[in-house]
């Protein structure tokens, strides 16, 4: 699977009720250690998974994108790629979910992060700053974090689920960030060995956008590649059941279970269904206008600034800002306003919604 355009499950938590294990006469502590021993063979790093007991559940938390392929070759441990549906189904079978219907029908998904990477024509920061000022269709809070001269992360989230709890953000979160910068800054990884070889079309697409030194269709230098990542994060049963209802509209279940995941994997339909859901969610909240429609109005602050620009002599106005040591703020805001008239929205719509990454 290519590093761009495909749906990725970046985080998955499965909660198995201890009461069900007791009903099946399975010792929770013993089962926890057995699961850890199995997962060591499926992932490069122990940080890619955890098995814990808390609040009456045996919890399995996975980062599927950090999977270890079945062969003995050495690959770079990044979360850019997703294992095949066959690999994931085999893992769940190895974990014992196919042995007892009672257990895997009661095992709920309580965390799931759905992710995509796209290659952008401009630096990801331009798109992030544009979206930070773009009015959202639904009730989300927009926050720019970790901002500096070359990088920023945009977090779009619902309000806190429970004001009495310590959740920093809500239970439905969309995050846009520069994946290349994350790999370079946090992991110090510029040259990576992919787990799946790239096709000729993928190589052409990546090469035309700054990726280079592609050897054997799998060794890639991403230092100059603009990878914009959008991650949709869901927590708690009441939000994750949106996925269950999307996958099974007639379902009477109030949560997404590992049984649903396994059934779709067996039919080789899981990734396609999650991709459809991911696209629908982005379109409902962010990309709700067709790419050639007039775009939404700027926020009130930006609109006021735009009117000021339109009614002023720009050179004089910039000198005035400079006199108050605010020249950079003026130029940054001017640049943002100019970008609203470019094709940034259209490009993101085409690549995230329509899947055009060429």
Protein backbone atom coordinates (compact mmCIF):
# COMPACT_ATOMS: atom_id res chain seq x y z
CA UNK A 1 0.00 0.00 0.00
CA UNK A 2 1.29 3.43 -0.93
CA UNK A 3 2.29 5.97 1.72
CA UNK A 4 -0.28 8.42 0.29
CA UNK A 5 -4.00 8.28 -0.34
CA UNK A 6 -4.76 5.07 1.58
CA UNK A 7 -6.71 4.83 4.80
CA UNK A 8 -4.56 4.05 7.84
CA UNK A 9 -5.66 2.88 11.29
CA UNK A 10 -3.13 4.68 13.43
CA UNK A 11 -4.56 3.67 16.80
CA UNK A 12 -6.98 0.99 17.93
CA UNK A 13 -8.08 0.08 21.45
CA UNK A 14 -10.10 -3.04 22.16
CA UNK A 15 -11.81 -3.46 25.56
CA UNK A 16 -12.68 -7.01 26.62
CA UNK A 17 -14.92 -7.16 29.74
CA UNK A 18 -13.29 -9.09 32.57
CA UNK A 19 -16.75 -10.52 33.35
CA UNK A 20 -16.78 -12.22 29.94
CA UNK A 21 -13.33 -13.71 30.53
CA UNK A 22 -14.50 -15.02 33.91
CA UNK A 23 -17.60 -16.46 32.26
CA UNK A 24 -15.30 -18.29 29.81
CA UNK A 25 -13.01 -19.33 32.69
CA UNK A 26 -10.06 -17.34 31.32
CA UNK A 27 -7.62 -15.85 33.82
CA UNK A 28 -7.21 -12.17 32.92
CA UNK A 29 -3.62 -11.77 34.21
CA UNK A 30 -2.47 -14.90 32.43
CA UNK A 31 -4.25 -13.88 29.24
CA UNK A 32 -2.63 -10.44 29.41
CA UNK A 33 0.86 -11.96 29.36
CA UNK A 34 -0.07 -14.37 26.57
CA UNK A 35 -1.28 -11.47 24.40
CA UNK A 36 1.92 -9.48 25.03
CA UNK A 37 4.02 -12.46 23.95
CA UNK A 38 2.02 -12.75 20.73
CA UNK A 39 2.20 -9.04 19.89
CA UNK A 40 6.00 -8.96 20.20
CA UNK A 41 6.15 -11.02 16.98
CA UNK A 42 3.84 -8.66 15.10
CA UNK A 43 5.36 -5.25 15.87
CA UNK A 44 8.87 -3.75 15.76
CA UNK A 45 8.66 -1.93 19.06
CA UNK A 46 6.89 -2.63 22.35
CA UNK A 47 5.69 0.99 22.27
CA UNK A 48 3.48 0.05 19.30
CA UNK A 49 1.19 -1.97 21.57
CA UNK A 50 0.10 -2.39 25.16
CA UNK A 51 -2.05 -4.84 27.10
CA UNK A 52 -3.40 -3.63 30.44
CA UNK A 53 -6.17 -4.35 32.93
CA UNK A 54 -8.20 -1.35 34.11
CA UNK A 55 -11.77 -0.41 35.04
CA UNK A 56 -13.02 -3.97 34.63
CA UNK A 57 -11.55 -4.51 31.17
CA UNK A 58 -8.62 -6.23 29.53
CA UNK A 59 -7.41 -3.51 27.16
CA UNK A 60 -5.44 -4.11 23.98
CA UNK A 61 -4.07 -0.92 22.41
CA UNK A 62 -2.41 -1.19 18.99
CA UNK A 63 -0.69 1.05 16.46
CA UNK A 64 -1.32 -1.07 13.33
CA UNK A 65 0.77 1.24 11.13
CA UNK A 66 3.88 0.13 13.02
CA UNK A 67 3.43 -3.46 11.96
CA UNK A 68 6.21 -5.94 11.22
CA UNK A 69 5.86 -7.72 7.84
CA UNK A 70 6.04 -11.49 7.71
CA UNK A 71 9.43 -11.61 5.99
CA UNK A 72 12.84 -11.19 7.63
CA UNK A 73 13.86 -8.00 5.83
CA UNK A 74 14.65 -4.80 7.74
CA UNK A 75 12.30 -1.86 7.25
CA UNK A 76 11.99 1.61 8.76
CA UNK A 77 9.53 1.64 11.65
CA UNK A 78 7.26 4.52 10.64
CA UNK A 79 3.49 4.82 10.71
CA UNK A 80 3.19 5.67 7.02
CA UNK A 81 1.87 2.31 5.84
CA UNK A 82 -0.95 -0.05 6.72
CA UNK A 83 -0.67 -3.85 6.77
CA UNK A 84 -2.83 -5.86 4.40
CA UNK A 85 -6.27 -6.93 5.54
CA UNK A 86 -4.99 -10.51 5.49
CA UNK A 87 -2.17 -9.59 7.91
CA UNK A 88 -4.59 -7.84 10.28
CA UNK A 89 -7.10 -10.70 10.20
CA UNK A 90 -4.31 -13.15 10.96
CA UNK A 91 -3.27 -11.04 13.96
CA UNK A 92 -6.79 -11.03 15.42
CA UNK A 93 -7.02 -14.78 14.92
CA UNK A 94 -3.70 -15.23 16.69
CA UNK A 95 -5.03 -13.12 19.56
CA UNK A 96 -7.86 -15.62 19.90
CA UNK A 97 -10.81 -13.53 18.71
CA UNK A 98 -12.01 -16.19 16.27
CA UNK A 99 -12.26 -18.93 18.90
CA UNK A 100 -15.25 -17.68 20.84
CA UNK A 101 -18.08 -15.61 19.35
CA UNK A 102 -19.22 -14.53 22.82
CA UNK A 103 -15.87 -12.89 23.51
CA UNK A 104 -15.37 -11.00 20.30
CA UNK A 105 -18.98 -9.81 20.11
CA UNK A 106 -18.53 -8.24 23.56
CA UNK A 107 -15.10 -6.69 22.81
CA UNK A 108 -15.73 -3.00 22.07
CA UNK A 109 -13.55 -0.58 20.12
CA UNK A 110 -13.09 2.43 22.43
CA UNK A 111 -10.35 4.30 20.53
CA UNK A 112 -9.83 4.51 16.80
CA UNK A 113 -7.69 6.94 14.80
CA UNK A 114 -8.25 7.04 11.03
CA UNK A 115 -5.54 8.74 8.99
CA UNK A 116 -4.49 9.68 5.47
CA UNK A 117 -1.42 11.32 3.98
CA UNK A 118 -1.52 13.39 0.81
CA UNK A 119 1.34 14.94 -1.17
CA UNK A 120 0.75 18.67 -1.53
CA UNK A 121 2.07 21.10 -4.14
CA UNK A 122 3.03 23.64 -1.48
CA UNK A 123 4.36 23.22 2.06
CA UNK A 124 1.83 21.73 4.51
CA UNK A 125 2.03 24.84 6.70
CA UNK A 126 0.26 26.86 3.97
CA UNK A 127 -2.75 24.52 4.02
CA UNK A 128 -2.80 24.35 7.83
CA UNK A 129 -2.83 28.14 8.18
CA UNK A 130 -5.54 28.40 5.54
CA UNK A 131 -7.76 25.86 7.32
CA UNK A 132 -7.17 27.55 10.67
CA UNK A 133 -9.19 30.53 9.39
CA UNK A 134 -11.72 28.55 7.36
CA UNK A 135 -15.23 28.45 8.90
CA UNK A 136 -16.25 24.91 9.84
CA UNK A 137 -19.74 23.67 9.09
CA UNK A 138 -20.32 21.99 12.43
CA UNK A 139 -19.55 22.94 16.03
CA UNK A 140 -15.81 22.38 16.25
CA UNK A 141 -13.13 24.40 18.03
CA UNK A 142 -10.13 25.33 15.87
CA UNK A 143 -6.73 25.52 17.59
CA UNK A 144 -3.23 26.05 16.16
CA UNK A 145 -0.60 24.38 18.30
CA UNK A 146 3.20 23.92 18.24
CA UNK A 147 3.47 26.91 15.95
CA UNK A 148 6.87 28.05 14.68
CA UNK A 149 8.43 29.40 11.52
CA UNK A 150 8.25 26.10 9.62
CA UNK A 151 5.65 23.96 11.34
CA UNK A 152 2.23 24.06 12.98
CA UNK A 153 -0.45 21.57 13.89
CA UNK A 154 -4.13 22.35 13.48
CA UNK A 155 -6.53 20.66 15.87
CA UNK A 156 -10.27 20.75 15.21
CA UNK A 157 -12.20 19.27 18.12
CA UNK A 158 -15.58 19.06 19.75
CA UNK A 159 -15.88 20.58 23.23
CA UNK A 160 -14.80 18.47 26.20
CA UNK A 161 -16.98 15.41 26.65
CA UNK A 162 -17.31 15.90 30.38
CA UNK A 163 -16.33 19.18 32.04
CA UNK A 164 -15.71 17.33 35.31
CA UNK A 165 -13.09 15.04 33.78
CA UNK A 166 -9.50 15.86 32.87
CA UNK A 167 -9.96 15.46 29.09
CA UNK A 168 -8.09 18.31 27.42
CA UNK A 169 -10.15 18.03 24.25
CA UNK A 170 -13.38 16.45 23.12
CA UNK A 171 -14.03 12.93 21.94
CA UNK A 172 -14.06 13.72 18.21
CA UNK A 173 -10.87 15.34 16.96
CA UNK A 174 -9.48 16.14 13.50
CA UNK A 175 -5.76 16.94 13.30
CA UNK A 176 -3.80 18.32 10.34
CA UNK A 177 0.00 18.34 10.49
CA UNK A 178 3.20 18.07 8.48
CA UNK A 179 4.14 14.40 8.56
CA UNK A 180 7.53 14.95 6.94
CA UNK A 181 8.56 17.44 9.61
CA UNK A 182 7.39 15.06 12.34
CA UNK A 183 9.58 12.27 10.97
CA UNK A 184 12.55 14.59 10.55
CA UNK A 185 12.20 16.33 13.92
CA UNK A 186 10.99 13.59 16.25
CA UNK A 187 12.31 10.43 14.65
CA UNK A 188 15.29 11.90 12.77
CA UNK A 189 14.25 9.87 9.74
CA UNK A 190 14.73 11.31 6.27
CA UNK A 191 15.58 8.17 4.34
CA UNK A 192 13.11 5.36 4.91
CA UNK A 193 12.77 1.79 3.69
CA UNK A 194 9.14 1.11 2.89
CA UNK A 195 7.46 -2.19 3.72
CA UNK A 196 5.68 -2.33 0.37
CA UNK A 197 7.39 -1.47 -2.95
CA UNK A 198 6.03 1.54 -4.79
CA UNK A 199 4.39 1.15 -8.18
CA UNK A 200 5.70 3.08 -11.20
CA UNK A 201 2.78 5.55 -10.94
CA UNK A 202 3.48 6.13 -7.24
CA UNK A 203 7.17 6.68 -7.93
CA UNK A 204 6.32 9.22 -10.64
CA UNK A 205 3.92 11.05 -8.30
CA UNK A 206 6.40 11.13 -5.40
CA UNK A 207 9.35 12.09 -7.60
CA UNK A 208 7.44 14.99 -9.15
CA UNK A 209 6.72 16.40 -5.69
CA UNK A 210 10.18 16.39 -4.16
CA UNK A 211 10.74 12.78 -3.14
CA UNK A 212 14.01 11.40 -4.46
CA UNK A 213 16.63 8.67 -4.19
CA UNK A 214 14.06 5.95 -4.76
CA UNK A 215 15.97 2.67 -4.89
CA UNK A 216 14.53 -0.78 -5.52
CA UNK A 217 11.09 0.89 -5.46
CA UNK A 218 11.21 1.04 -1.66
CA UNK A 219 14.10 3.16 -0.32
CA UNK A 220 12.99 6.78 -0.31
CA UNK A 221 14.37 10.13 0.86
CA UNK A 222 11.36 12.15 2.05
CA UNK A 223 13.26 15.24 3.26
CA UNK A 224 11.78 17.50 0.56
CA UNK A 225 8.42 15.76 0.26
CA UNK A 226 5.33 17.71 1.36
CA UNK A 227 3.28 15.17 3.29
CA UNK A 228 0.13 16.65 4.81
CA UNK A 229 -1.50 14.26 7.26
CA UNK A 230 -5.08 14.43 8.46
CA UNK A 231 -5.97 12.23 11.40
CA UNK A 232 -9.53 11.68 12.66
CA UNK A 233 -9.57 10.57 16.29
CA UNK A 234 -12.58 9.04 18.05
CA UNK A 235 -12.94 8.06 21.68
CA UNK A 236 -15.74 6.52 23.70
CA UNK A 237 -18.59 4.32 22.61
CA UNK A 238 -21.13 7.03 21.78
CA UNK A 239 -18.88 8.57 19.10
CA UNK A 240 -17.42 5.36 17.75
CA UNK A 241 -20.91 3.95 17.25
CA UNK A 242 -21.12 6.44 14.35
CA UNK A 243 -18.76 4.09 12.51
CA UNK A 244 -20.89 1.04 13.38
CA UNK A 245 -24.04 2.77 12.11
CA UNK A 246 -22.27 3.82 8.92
CA UNK A 247 -20.98 0.30 8.26
CA UNK A 248 -24.23 -1.43 9.31
CA UNK A 249 -27.14 1.05 8.95
CA UNK A 250 -29.65 -1.52 10.24
CA UNK A 251 -27.50 -2.57 13.17
CA UNK A 252 -29.06 -2.43 16.64
CA UNK A 253 -25.65 -2.37 18.35
CA UNK A 254 -24.74 0.78 20.24
CA UNK A 255 -21.00 0.28 19.73
CA UNK A 256 -18.38 -0.89 17.26
CA UNK A 257 -17.13 -4.35 18.18
CA UNK A 258 -14.16 -6.44 17.13
CA UNK A 259 -16.75 -8.84 15.66
CA UNK A 260 -17.71 -6.20 13.08
CA UNK A 261 -14.04 -5.55 12.30
CA UNK A 262 -13.28 -9.24 11.80
CA UNK A 263 -16.39 -9.87 9.69
CA UNK A 264 -15.36 -7.04 7.33
CA UNK A 265 -11.77 -8.29 7.20
CA UNK A 266 -12.99 -11.71 6.16
CA UNK A 267 -14.93 -10.09 3.30
CA UNK A 268 -11.93 -7.83 2.48
CA UNK A 269 -14.14 -4.78 2.96
CA UNK A 270 -12.81 -3.16 6.16
CA UNK A 271 -10.45 -0.61 4.61
CA UNK A 272 -12.93 0.39 1.90
CA UNK A 273 -15.68 0.99 4.49
CA UNK A 274 -13.40 2.99 6.78
CA UNK A 275 -12.21 5.03 3.80
CA UNK A 276 -15.82 5.90 2.93
CA UNK A 277 -16.54 6.89 6.52
CA UNK A 278 -13.36 9.00 6.77
CA UNK A 279 -14.24 10.85 3.55
CA UNK A 280 -17.82 11.48 4.67
CA UNK A 281 -16.68 12.89 8.02
CA UNK A 282 -14.18 15.27 6.43
CA UNK A 283 -16.77 16.43 3.92
CA UNK A 284 -19.40 16.99 6.62
CA UNK A 285 -17.13 19.12 8.81
CA UNK A 286 -14.38 20.71 6.67
CA UNK A 287 -14.73 20.24 2.90
CA UNK A 288 -18.47 20.89 2.66
CA UNK A 289 -18.27 23.05 -0.47
CA UNK A 290 -17.56 21.80 -3.96
CA UNK A 291 -14.08 22.92 -5.09
CA UNK A 292 -15.43 25.40 -7.66
CA UNK A 293 -18.11 26.95 -5.43
CA UNK A 294 -17.50 30.36 -3.85
CA UNK A 295 -15.69 29.76 -0.59
CA UNK A 296 -17.06 30.61 2.82
CA UNK A 297 -16.48 34.08 4.18
CA UNK A 298 -13.47 34.77 6.32
CA UNK A 299 -13.77 34.95 10.07
CA UNK A 300 -14.72 38.39 11.39
CA UNK A 301 -11.11 39.24 12.31
CA UNK A 302 -9.78 38.31 8.88
CA UNK A 303 -12.70 40.02 7.17
CA UNK A 304 -11.92 43.26 9.01
CA UNK A 305 -8.27 42.96 8.07
CA UNK A 306 -9.22 42.33 4.42
CA UNK A 307 -11.38 45.45 4.37
CA UNK A 308 -8.50 47.43 5.85
CA UNK A 309 -6.21 46.19 3.08
CA UNK A 310 -8.72 47.01 0.37
CA UNK A 311 -9.26 50.54 1.60
CA UNK A 312 -5.62 51.46 2.29
CA UNK A 313 -2.39 52.29 0.59
CA UNK A 314 -0.52 49.04 1.27
CA UNK A 315 2.94 50.58 1.42
CA UNK A 316 1.83 53.23 3.91
CA UNK A 317 -0.07 50.64 5.95
CA UNK A 318 2.93 48.34 6.11
CA UNK A 319 5.17 51.21 7.21
CA UNK A 320 2.65 52.03 9.93
CA UNK A 321 2.75 48.43 11.21
CA UNK A 322 6.56 48.48 11.06
CA UNK A 323 6.65 51.60 13.23
CA UNK A 324 4.94 49.60 15.99
CA UNK A 325 7.20 46.57 15.43
CA UNK A 326 4.25 44.68 13.96
CA UNK A 327 5.53 44.41 10.41
CA UNK A 328 5.82 40.61 10.46
CA UNK A 329 2.26 40.24 11.75
CA UNK A 330 1.05 42.44 8.91
CA UNK A 331 2.93 40.42 6.30
CA UNK A 332 1.77 37.09 7.75
CA UNK A 333 -1.87 38.13 7.71
CA UNK A 334 -1.56 39.63 4.25
CA UNK A 335 -0.07 36.36 3.00
CA UNK A 336 -2.88 34.33 4.57
CA UNK A 337 -5.52 36.49 2.92
CA UNK A 338 -3.82 36.16 -0.43
CA UNK A 339 -3.75 32.40 -0.04
CA UNK A 340 -7.52 32.26 0.37
CA UNK A 341 -7.71 33.18 -3.32
CA UNK A 342 -5.46 30.33 -4.42
CA UNK A 343 -6.19 26.70 -5.16
CA UNK A 344 -5.34 25.37 -1.71
CA UNK A 345 -8.92 24.37 -0.90
CA UNK A 346 -9.46 22.88 -4.33
CA UNK A 347 -6.31 20.80 -4.10
CA UNK A 348 -7.18 19.44 -0.63
CA UNK A 349 -10.73 18.67 -1.71
CA UNK A 350 -9.54 16.76 -4.75
CA UNK A 351 -6.97 14.75 -2.80
CA UNK A 352 -8.81 14.09 0.46
CA UNK A 353 -12.37 13.79 -0.89
CA UNK A 354 -11.94 12.58 -4.45
CA UNK A 355 -8.70 10.73 -3.94
CA UNK A 356 -6.74 12.42 -6.69
CA UNK A 357 -3.09 12.31 -5.69
CA UNK A 358 -1.54 12.68 -9.11
